[in-house]
Amino acid sequence: MTTKWSLLAYVALIALATGCAGPRYVAASTGSKGQVKFLWTDGSDQGVVKCEVADNGDLNQCRNMNLVLED
């Protein structure tokens, strides 16, 4: 019985730590002039994250961009 409760507590902790959200995958990326953009998807939602690229290759000032997709 103790193992069952420990497992349940572990699963609950993981759910709280991830915000009950599934993983996001990078579907495409593009970069130019010191910036890079990533198109991510989690299967039902998608969005674009834009980052500045530092001289050493680090990504800085990453932010979500507003995205409107039309058919």
PDB file of N, CA and C in Angstrom:
ATOM      1  N   MET A   1       0.820  -1.194   0.000  1.00  0.00           N
ATOM      2  CA  MET A   1       0.000   0.000   0.000  1.00  0.00           C
ATOM      3  C   MET A   1       0.866   1.260   0.000  1.00  0.00           C
ATOM      4  N   THR A   2       1.990   1.227   0.696  1.00  0.00           N
ATOM      5  CA  THR A   2       2.873   2.383   0.760  1.00  0.00           C
ATOM      6  C   THR A   2       3.459   2.702  -0.611  1.00  0.00           C
ATOM      7  N   THR A   3       3.812   1.677  -1.368  1.00  0.00           N
ATOM      8  CA  THR A   3       4.364   1.884  -2.701  1.00  0.00           C
ATOM      9  C   THR A   3       3.344   2.549  -3.606  1.00  0.00           C
ATOM     10  N   LYS A   4       2.088   2.151  -3.480  1.00  0.00           N
ATOM     11  CA  LYS A   4       1.031   2.744  -4.292  1.00  0.00           C
ATOM     12  C   LYS A   4       0.908   4.229  -3.996  1.00  0.00           C
ATOM     13  N   TRP A   5       0.928   4.634  -2.742  1.00  0.00           N
ATOM     14  CA  TRP A   5       0.809   6.045  -2.376  1.00  0.00           C
ATOM     15  C   TRP A   5       2.046   6.832  -2.784  1.00  0.00           C
ATOM     16  N   SER A   6       3.209   6.209  -2.688  1.00  0.00           N
ATOM     17  CA  SER A   6       4.439   6.868  -3.116  1.00  0.00           C
ATOM     18  C   SER A   6       4.416   7.137  -4.619  1.00  0.00           C
ATOM     19  N   LEU A   7       3.959   6.147  -5.374  1.00  0.00           N
ATOM     20  CA  LEU A   7       3.861   6.298  -6.819  1.00  0.00           C
ATOM     21  C   LEU A   7       2.848   7.383  -7.180  1.00  0.00           C
ATOM     22  N   LEU A   8       1.716   7.393  -6.508  1.00  0.00           N
ATOM     23  CA  LEU A   8       0.701   8.409  -6.756  1.00  0.00           C
ATOM     24  C   LEU A   8       1.232   9.802  -6.428  1.00  0.00           C
ATOM     25  N   ALA A   9       1.953   9.941  -5.323  1.00  0.00           N
ATOM     26  CA  ALA A   9       2.535  11.237  -4.950  1.00  0.00           C
ATOM     27  C   ALA A   9       3.573  11.670  -5.979  1.00  0.00           C
ATOM     28  N   TYR A  10       4.375  10.737  -6.494  1.00  0.00           N
ATOM     29  CA  TYR A  10       5.384  11.039  -7.503  1.00  0.00           C
ATOM     30  C   TYR A  10       4.724  11.525  -8.791  1.00  0.00           C
ATOM     31  N   VAL A  11       3.681  10.860  -9.233  1.00  0.00           N
ATOM     32  CA  VAL A  11       2.964  11.263 -10.450  1.00  0.00           C
ATOM     33  C   VAL A  11       2.335  12.640 -10.257  1.00  0.00           C
ATOM     34  N   ALA A  12       1.764  12.896  -9.095  1.00  0.00           N
ATOM     35  CA  ALA A  12       1.172  14.208  -8.816  1.00  0.00           C
ATOM     36  C   ALA A  12       2.242  15.298  -8.825  1.00  0.00           C
ATOM     37  N   LEU A  13       3.414  15.004  -8.277  1.00  0.00           N
ATOM     38  CA  LEU A  13       4.503  15.975  -8.261  1.00  0.00           C
ATOM     39  C   LEU A  13       4.967  16.303  -9.674  1.00  0.00           C
ATOM     40  N   ILE A  14       5.079  15.298 -10.512  1.00  0.00           N
ATOM     41  CA  ILE A  14       5.470  15.523 -11.908  1.00  0.00           C
ATOM     42  C   ILE A  14       4.418  16.370 -12.624  1.00  0.00           C
ATOM     43  N   ALA A  15       3.148  16.079 -12.395  1.00  0.00           N
ATOM     44  CA  ALA A  15       2.075  16.846 -13.035  1.00  0.00           C
ATOM     45  C   ALA A  15       2.112  18.303 -12.593  1.00  0.00           C
ATOM     46  N   LEU A  16       2.372  18.548 -11.324  1.00  0.00           N
ATOM     47  CA  LEU A  16       2.463  19.926 -10.838  1.00  0.00           C
ATOM     48  C   LEU A  16       3.692  20.635 -11.391  1.00  0.00           C
ATOM     49  N   ALA A  17       4.797  19.924 -11.496  1.00  0.00           N
ATOM     50  CA  ALA A  17       6.042  20.528 -11.980  1.00  0.00           C
ATOM     51  C   ALA A  17       5.955  20.912 -13.454  1.00  0.00           C
ATOM     52  N   THR A  18       5.213  20.148 -14.236  1.00  0.00           N
ATOM     53  CA  THR A  18       5.094  20.436 -15.665  1.00  0.00           C
ATOM     54  C   THR A  18       3.849  21.236 -15.997  1.00  0.00           C
ATOM     55  N   GLY A  19       3.057  21.559 -15.007  1.00  0.00           N
ATOM     56  CA  GLY A  19       1.840  22.316 -15.270  1.00  0.00           C
ATOM     57  C   GLY A  19       0.822  21.519 -16.058  1.00  0.00           C
ATOM     58  N   CYS A  20       0.918  20.207 -15.992  1.00  0.00           N
ATOM     59  CA  CYS A  20       0.012  19.301 -16.704  1.00  0.00           C
ATOM     60  C   CYS A  20       0.062  19.518 -18.213  1.00  0.00           C
ATOM     61  N   ALA A  21       1.128  20.096 -18.697  1.00  0.00           N
ATOM     62  CA  ALA A  21       1.268  20.345 -20.128  1.00  0.00           C
ATOM     63  C   ALA A  21       2.135  19.263 -20.746  1.00  0.00           C
ATOM     64  N   GLY A  22       1.813  18.932 -21.964  1.00  0.00           N
ATOM     65  CA  GLY A  22       2.623  17.968 -22.679  1.00  0.00           C
ATOM     66  C   GLY A  22       3.876  18.618 -23.231  1.00  0.00           C
ATOM     67  N   PRO A  23       4.737  17.839 -23.838  1.00  0.00           N
ATOM     68  CA  PRO A  23       5.976  18.382 -24.383  1.00  0.00           C
ATOM     69  C   PRO A  23       5.721  19.220 -25.629  1.00  0.00           C
ATOM     70  N   ARG A  24       6.589  20.179 -25.853  1.00  0.00           N
ATOM     71  CA  ARG A  24       6.548  20.990 -27.068  1.00  0.00           C
ATOM     72  C   ARG A  24       7.731  20.594 -27.933  1.00  0.00           C
ATOM     73  N   TYR A  25       7.486  20.505 -29.220  1.00  0.00           N
ATOM     74  CA  TYR A  25       8.511  20.116 -30.174  1.00  0.00           C
ATOM     75  C   TYR A  25       8.746  21.248 -31.152  1.00  0.00           C
ATOM     76  N   VAL A  26       9.986  21.455 -31.563  1.00  0.00           N
ATOM     77  CA  VAL A  26      10.310  22.450 -32.578  1.00  0.00           C
ATOM     78  C   VAL A  26      10.027  21.835 -33.942  1.00  0.00           C
ATOM     79  N   ALA A  27       9.079  22.448 -34.659  1.00  0.00           N
ATOM     80  CA  ALA A  27       8.688  21.949 -35.971  1.00  0.00           C
ATOM     81  C   ALA A  27       9.544  22.574 -37.074  1.00  0.00           C
ATOM     82  N   ALA A  28      10.036  23.801 -36.841  1.00  0.00           N
ATOM     83  CA  ALA A  28      10.872  24.479 -37.831  1.00  0.00           C
ATOM     84  C   ALA A  28      11.622  25.595 -37.125  1.00  0.00           C
ATOM     85  N   SER A  29      12.710  26.023 -37.732  1.00  0.00           N
ATOM     86  CA  SER A  29      13.454  27.157 -37.201  1.00  0.00           C
ATOM     87  C   SER A  29      14.066  27.931 -38.356  1.00  0.00           C
ATOM     88  N   THR A  30      14.303  29.206 -38.112  1.00  0.00           N
ATOM     89  CA  THR A  30      14.940  30.052 -39.096  1.00  0.00           C
ATOM     90  C   THR A  30      15.747  31.110 -38.370  1.00  0.00           C
ATOM     91  N   GLY A  31      16.801  31.575 -38.978  1.00  0.00           N
ATOM     92  CA  GLY A  31      17.627  32.576 -38.331  1.00  0.00           C
ATOM     93  C   GLY A  31      18.310  33.478 -39.332  1.00  0.00           C
ATOM     94  N   SER A  32      18.499  34.733 -38.920  1.00  0.00           N
ATOM     95  CA  SER A  32      19.225  35.697 -39.742  1.00  0.00           C
ATOM     96  C   SER A  32      19.545  36.927 -38.909  1.00  0.00           C
ATOM     97  N   LYS A  33      20.660  37.572 -39.213  1.00  0.00           N
ATOM     98  CA  LYS A  33      21.047  38.850 -38.607  1.00  0.00           C
ATOM     99  C   LYS A  33      20.927  38.861 -37.087  1.00  0.00           C
ATOM    100  N   GLY A  34      21.471  37.855 -36.426  1.00  0.00           N
ATOM    101  CA  GLY A  34      21.516  37.851 -34.968  1.00  0.00           C
ATOM    102  C   GLY A  34      20.219  37.488 -34.276  1.00  0.00           C
ATOM    103  N   GLN A  35      19.290  36.865 -34.988  1.00  0.00           N
ATOM    104  CA  GLN A  35      18.055  36.409 -34.346  1.00  0.00           C
ATOM    105  C   GLN A  35      17.680  35.040 -34.887  1.00  0.00           C
ATOM    106  N   VAL A  36      16.888  34.323 -34.116  1.00  0.00           N
ATOM    107  CA  VAL A  36      16.408  33.014 -34.536  1.00  0.00           C
ATOM    108  C   VAL A  36      14.959  32.883 -34.092  1.00  0.00           C
ATOM    109  N   LYS A  37      14.159  32.195 -34.903  1.00  0.00           N
ATOM    110  CA  LYS A  37      12.751  31.963 -34.585  1.00  0.00           C
ATOM    111  C   LYS A  37      12.488  30.461 -34.645  1.00  0.00           C
ATOM    112  N   PHE A  38      11.726  29.984 -33.677  1.00  0.00           N
ATOM    113  CA  PHE A  38      11.356  28.578 -33.603  1.00  0.00           C
ATOM    114  C   PHE A  38       9.846  28.456 -33.693  1.00  0.00           C
ATOM    115  N   LEU A  39       9.359  27.591 -34.572  1.00  0.00           N
ATOM    116  CA  LEU A  39       7.938  27.242 -34.615  1.00  0.00           C
ATOM    117  C   LEU A  39       7.783  25.981 -33.791  1.00  0.00           C
ATOM    118  N   TRP A  40       7.036  26.049 -32.688  1.00  0.00           N
ATOM    119  CA  TRP A  40       6.841  24.898 -31.812  1.00  0.00           C
ATOM    120  C   TRP A  40       5.410  24.394 -31.931  1.00  0.00           C
ATOM    121  N   THR A  41       5.236  23.142 -31.600  1.00  0.00           N
ATOM    122  CA  THR A  41       3.909  22.541 -31.560  1.00  0.00           C
ATOM    123  C   THR A  41       3.849  21.530 -30.428  1.00  0.00           C
ATOM    124  N   ASP A  42       2.670  21.358 -29.864  1.00  0.00           N
ATOM    125  CA  ASP A  42       2.472  20.315 -28.851  1.00  0.00           C
ATOM    126  C   ASP A  42       1.404  19.338 -29.304  1.00  0.00           C
ATOM    127  N   GLY A  43       1.065  19.394 -30.587  1.00  0.00           N
ATOM    128  CA  GLY A  43       0.063  18.498 -31.144  1.00  0.00           C
ATOM    129  C   GLY A  43      -1.256  19.184 -31.391  1.00  0.00           C
ATOM    130  N   SER A  44      -1.661  20.098 -30.510  1.00  0.00           N
ATOM    131  CA  SER A  44      -2.921  20.812 -30.702  1.00  0.00           C
ATOM    132  C   SER A  44      -2.722  22.319 -30.823  1.00  0.00           C
ATOM    133  N   ASP A  45      -1.701  22.851 -30.205  1.00  0.00           N
ATOM    134  CA  ASP A  45      -1.373  24.274 -30.297  1.00  0.00           C
ATOM    135  C   ASP A  45      -0.033  24.435 -30.987  1.00  0.00           C
ATOM    136  N   GLN A  46       0.199  25.635 -31.491  1.00  0.00           N
ATOM    137  CA  GLN A  46       1.503  25.961 -32.031  1.00  0.00           C
ATOM    138  C   GLN A  46       1.773  27.437 -31.832  1.00  0.00           C
ATOM    139  N   GLY A  47       3.029  27.819 -31.899  1.00  0.00           N
ATOM    140  CA  GLY A  47       3.409  29.200 -31.703  1.00  0.00           C
ATOM    141  C   GLY A  47       4.825  29.428 -32.190  1.00  0.00           C
ATOM    142  N   VAL A  48       5.252  30.687 -32.105  1.00  0.00           N
ATOM    143  CA  VAL A  48       6.583  31.072 -32.541  1.00  0.00           C
ATOM    144  C   VAL A  48       7.286  31.754 -31.382  1.00  0.00           C
ATOM    145  N   VAL A  49       8.528  31.357 -31.139  1.00  0.00           N
ATOM    146  CA  VAL A  49       9.385  31.994 -30.144  1.00  0.00           C
ATOM    147  C   VAL A  49      10.527  32.663 -30.898  1.00  0.00           C
ATOM    148  N   LYS A  50      10.767  33.942 -30.598  1.00  0.00           N
ATOM    149  CA  LYS A  50      11.843  34.703 -31.235  1.00  0.00           C
ATOM    150  C   LYS A  50      12.911  34.998 -30.201  1.00  0.00           C
ATOM    151  N   CYS A  51      14.182  34.748 -30.550  1.00  0.00           N
ATOM    152  CA  CYS A  51      15.307  34.974 -29.643  1.00  0.00           C
ATOM    153  C   CYS A  51      16.391  35.775 -30.344  1.00  0.00           C
ATOM    154  N   GLU A  52      17.106  36.568 -29.583  1.00  0.00           N
ATOM    155  CA  GLU A  52      18.300  37.243 -30.068  1.00  0.00           C
ATOM    156  C   GLU A  52      19.478  36.299 -29.850  1.00  0.00           C
ATOM    157  N   VAL A  53      20.428  36.293 -30.785  1.00  0.00           N
ATOM    158  CA  VAL A  53      21.600  35.434 -30.683  1.00  0.00           C
ATOM    159  C   VAL A  53      22.802  36.303 -30.312  1.00  0.00           C
ATOM    160  N   ALA A  54      23.452  35.985 -29.182  1.00  0.00           N
ATOM    161  CA  ALA A  54      24.634  36.716 -28.739  1.00  0.00           C
ATOM    162  C   ALA A  54      25.835  36.303 -29.588  1.00  0.00           C
ATOM    163  N   ASP A  55      26.908  37.062 -29.474  1.00  0.00           N
ATOM    164  CA  ASP A  55      28.127  36.773 -30.239  1.00  0.00           C
ATOM    165  C   ASP A  55      28.683  35.381 -29.946  1.00  0.00           C
ATOM    166  N   ASN A  56      28.480  34.889 -28.711  1.00  0.00           N
ATOM    167  CA  ASN A  56      28.998  33.567 -28.348  1.00  0.00           C
ATOM    168  C   ASN A  56      28.004  32.442 -28.670  1.00  0.00           C
ATOM    169  N   GLY A  57      26.857  32.764 -29.283  1.00  0.00           N
ATOM    170  CA  GLY A  57      25.879  31.762 -29.676  1.00  0.00           C
ATOM    171  C   GLY A  57      24.750  31.538 -28.688  1.00  0.00           C
ATOM    172  N   ASP A  58      24.830  32.185 -27.511  1.00  0.00           N
ATOM    173  CA  ASP A  58      23.752  32.050 -26.528  1.00  0.00           C
ATOM    174  C   ASP A  58      22.488  32.739 -27.029  1.00  0.00           C
ATOM    175  N   LEU A  59      21.335  32.194 -26.645  1.00  0.00           N
ATOM    176  CA  LEU A  59      20.049  32.810 -26.981  1.00  0.00           C
ATOM    177  C   LEU A  59      19.623  33.712 -25.834  1.00  0.00           C
ATOM    178  N   ASN A  60      19.271  34.957 -26.158  1.00  0.00           N
ATOM    179  CA  ASN A  60      18.858  35.945 -25.164  1.00  0.00           C
ATOM    180  C   ASN A  60      17.521  36.553 -25.567  1.00  0.00           C
ATOM    181  N   GLN A  61      16.845  37.114 -24.600  1.00  0.00           N
ATOM    182  CA  GLN A  61      15.598  37.861 -24.820  1.00  0.00           C
ATOM    183  C   GLN A  61      14.587  37.060 -25.638  1.00  0.00           C
ATOM    184  N   CYS A  62      14.397  35.801 -25.286  1.00  0.00           N
ATOM    185  CA  CYS A  62      13.417  34.958 -25.980  1.00  0.00           C
ATOM    186  C   CYS A  62      12.005  35.365 -25.553  1.00  0.00           C
ATOM    187  N   ARG A  63      11.116  35.433 -26.512  1.00  0.00           N
ATOM    188  CA  ARG A  63       9.734  35.826 -26.219  1.00  0.00           C
ATOM    189  C   ARG A  63       8.790  35.189 -27.237  1.00  0.00           C
ATOM    190  N   ASN A  64       7.566  34.963 -26.799  1.00  0.00           N
ATOM    191  CA  ASN A  64       6.533  34.446 -27.685  1.00  0.00           C
ATOM    192  C   ASN A  64       6.082  35.562 -28.608  1.00  0.00           C
ATOM    193  N   MET A  65       5.875  35.225 -29.859  1.00  0.00           N
ATOM    194  CA  MET A  65       5.341  36.180 -30.828  1.00  0.00           C
ATOM    195  C   MET A  65       3.867  35.886 -31.036  1.00  0.00           C
ATOM    196  N   ASN A  66       3.094  36.914 -31.271  1.00  0.00           N
ATOM    197  CA  ASN A  66       1.689  36.714 -31.622  1.00  0.00           C
ATOM    198  C   ASN A  66       1.627  36.082 -33.001  1.00  0.00           C
ATOM    199  N   LEU A  67       0.792  35.076 -33.129  1.00  0.00           N
ATOM    200  CA  LEU A  67       0.725  34.300 -34.356  1.00  0.00           C
ATOM    201  C   LEU A  67      -0.725  34.088 -34.739  1.00  0.00           C
ATOM    202  N   VAL A  68      -1.066  34.464 -35.963  1.00  0.00           N
ATOM    203  CA  VAL A  68      -2.408  34.240 -36.485  1.00  0.00           C
ATOM    204  C   VAL A  68      -2.266  33.453 -37.774  1.00  0.00           C
ATOM    205  N   LEU A  69      -2.754  32.233 -37.768  1.00  0.00           N
ATOM    206  CA  LEU A  69      -2.691  31.390 -38.956  1.00  0.00           C
ATOM    207  C   LEU A  69      -4.038  31.429 -39.661  1.00  0.00           C
ATOM    208  N   GLU A  70      -3.999  31.613 -40.967  1.00  0.00           N
ATOM    209  CA  GLU A  70      -5.219  31.646 -41.746  1.00  0.00           C
ATOM    210  C   GLU A  70      -5.149  30.589 -42.843  1.00  0.00           C
ATOM    211  N   ASP A  71      -6.309  30.065 -43.217  1.00  0.00           N
ATOM    212  CA  ASP A  71      -6.362  29.060 -44.293  1.00  0.00           C
ATOM    213  C   ASP A  71      -6.216  29.716 -45.640  1.00  0.00           C
TER     214      ASP A  71
END
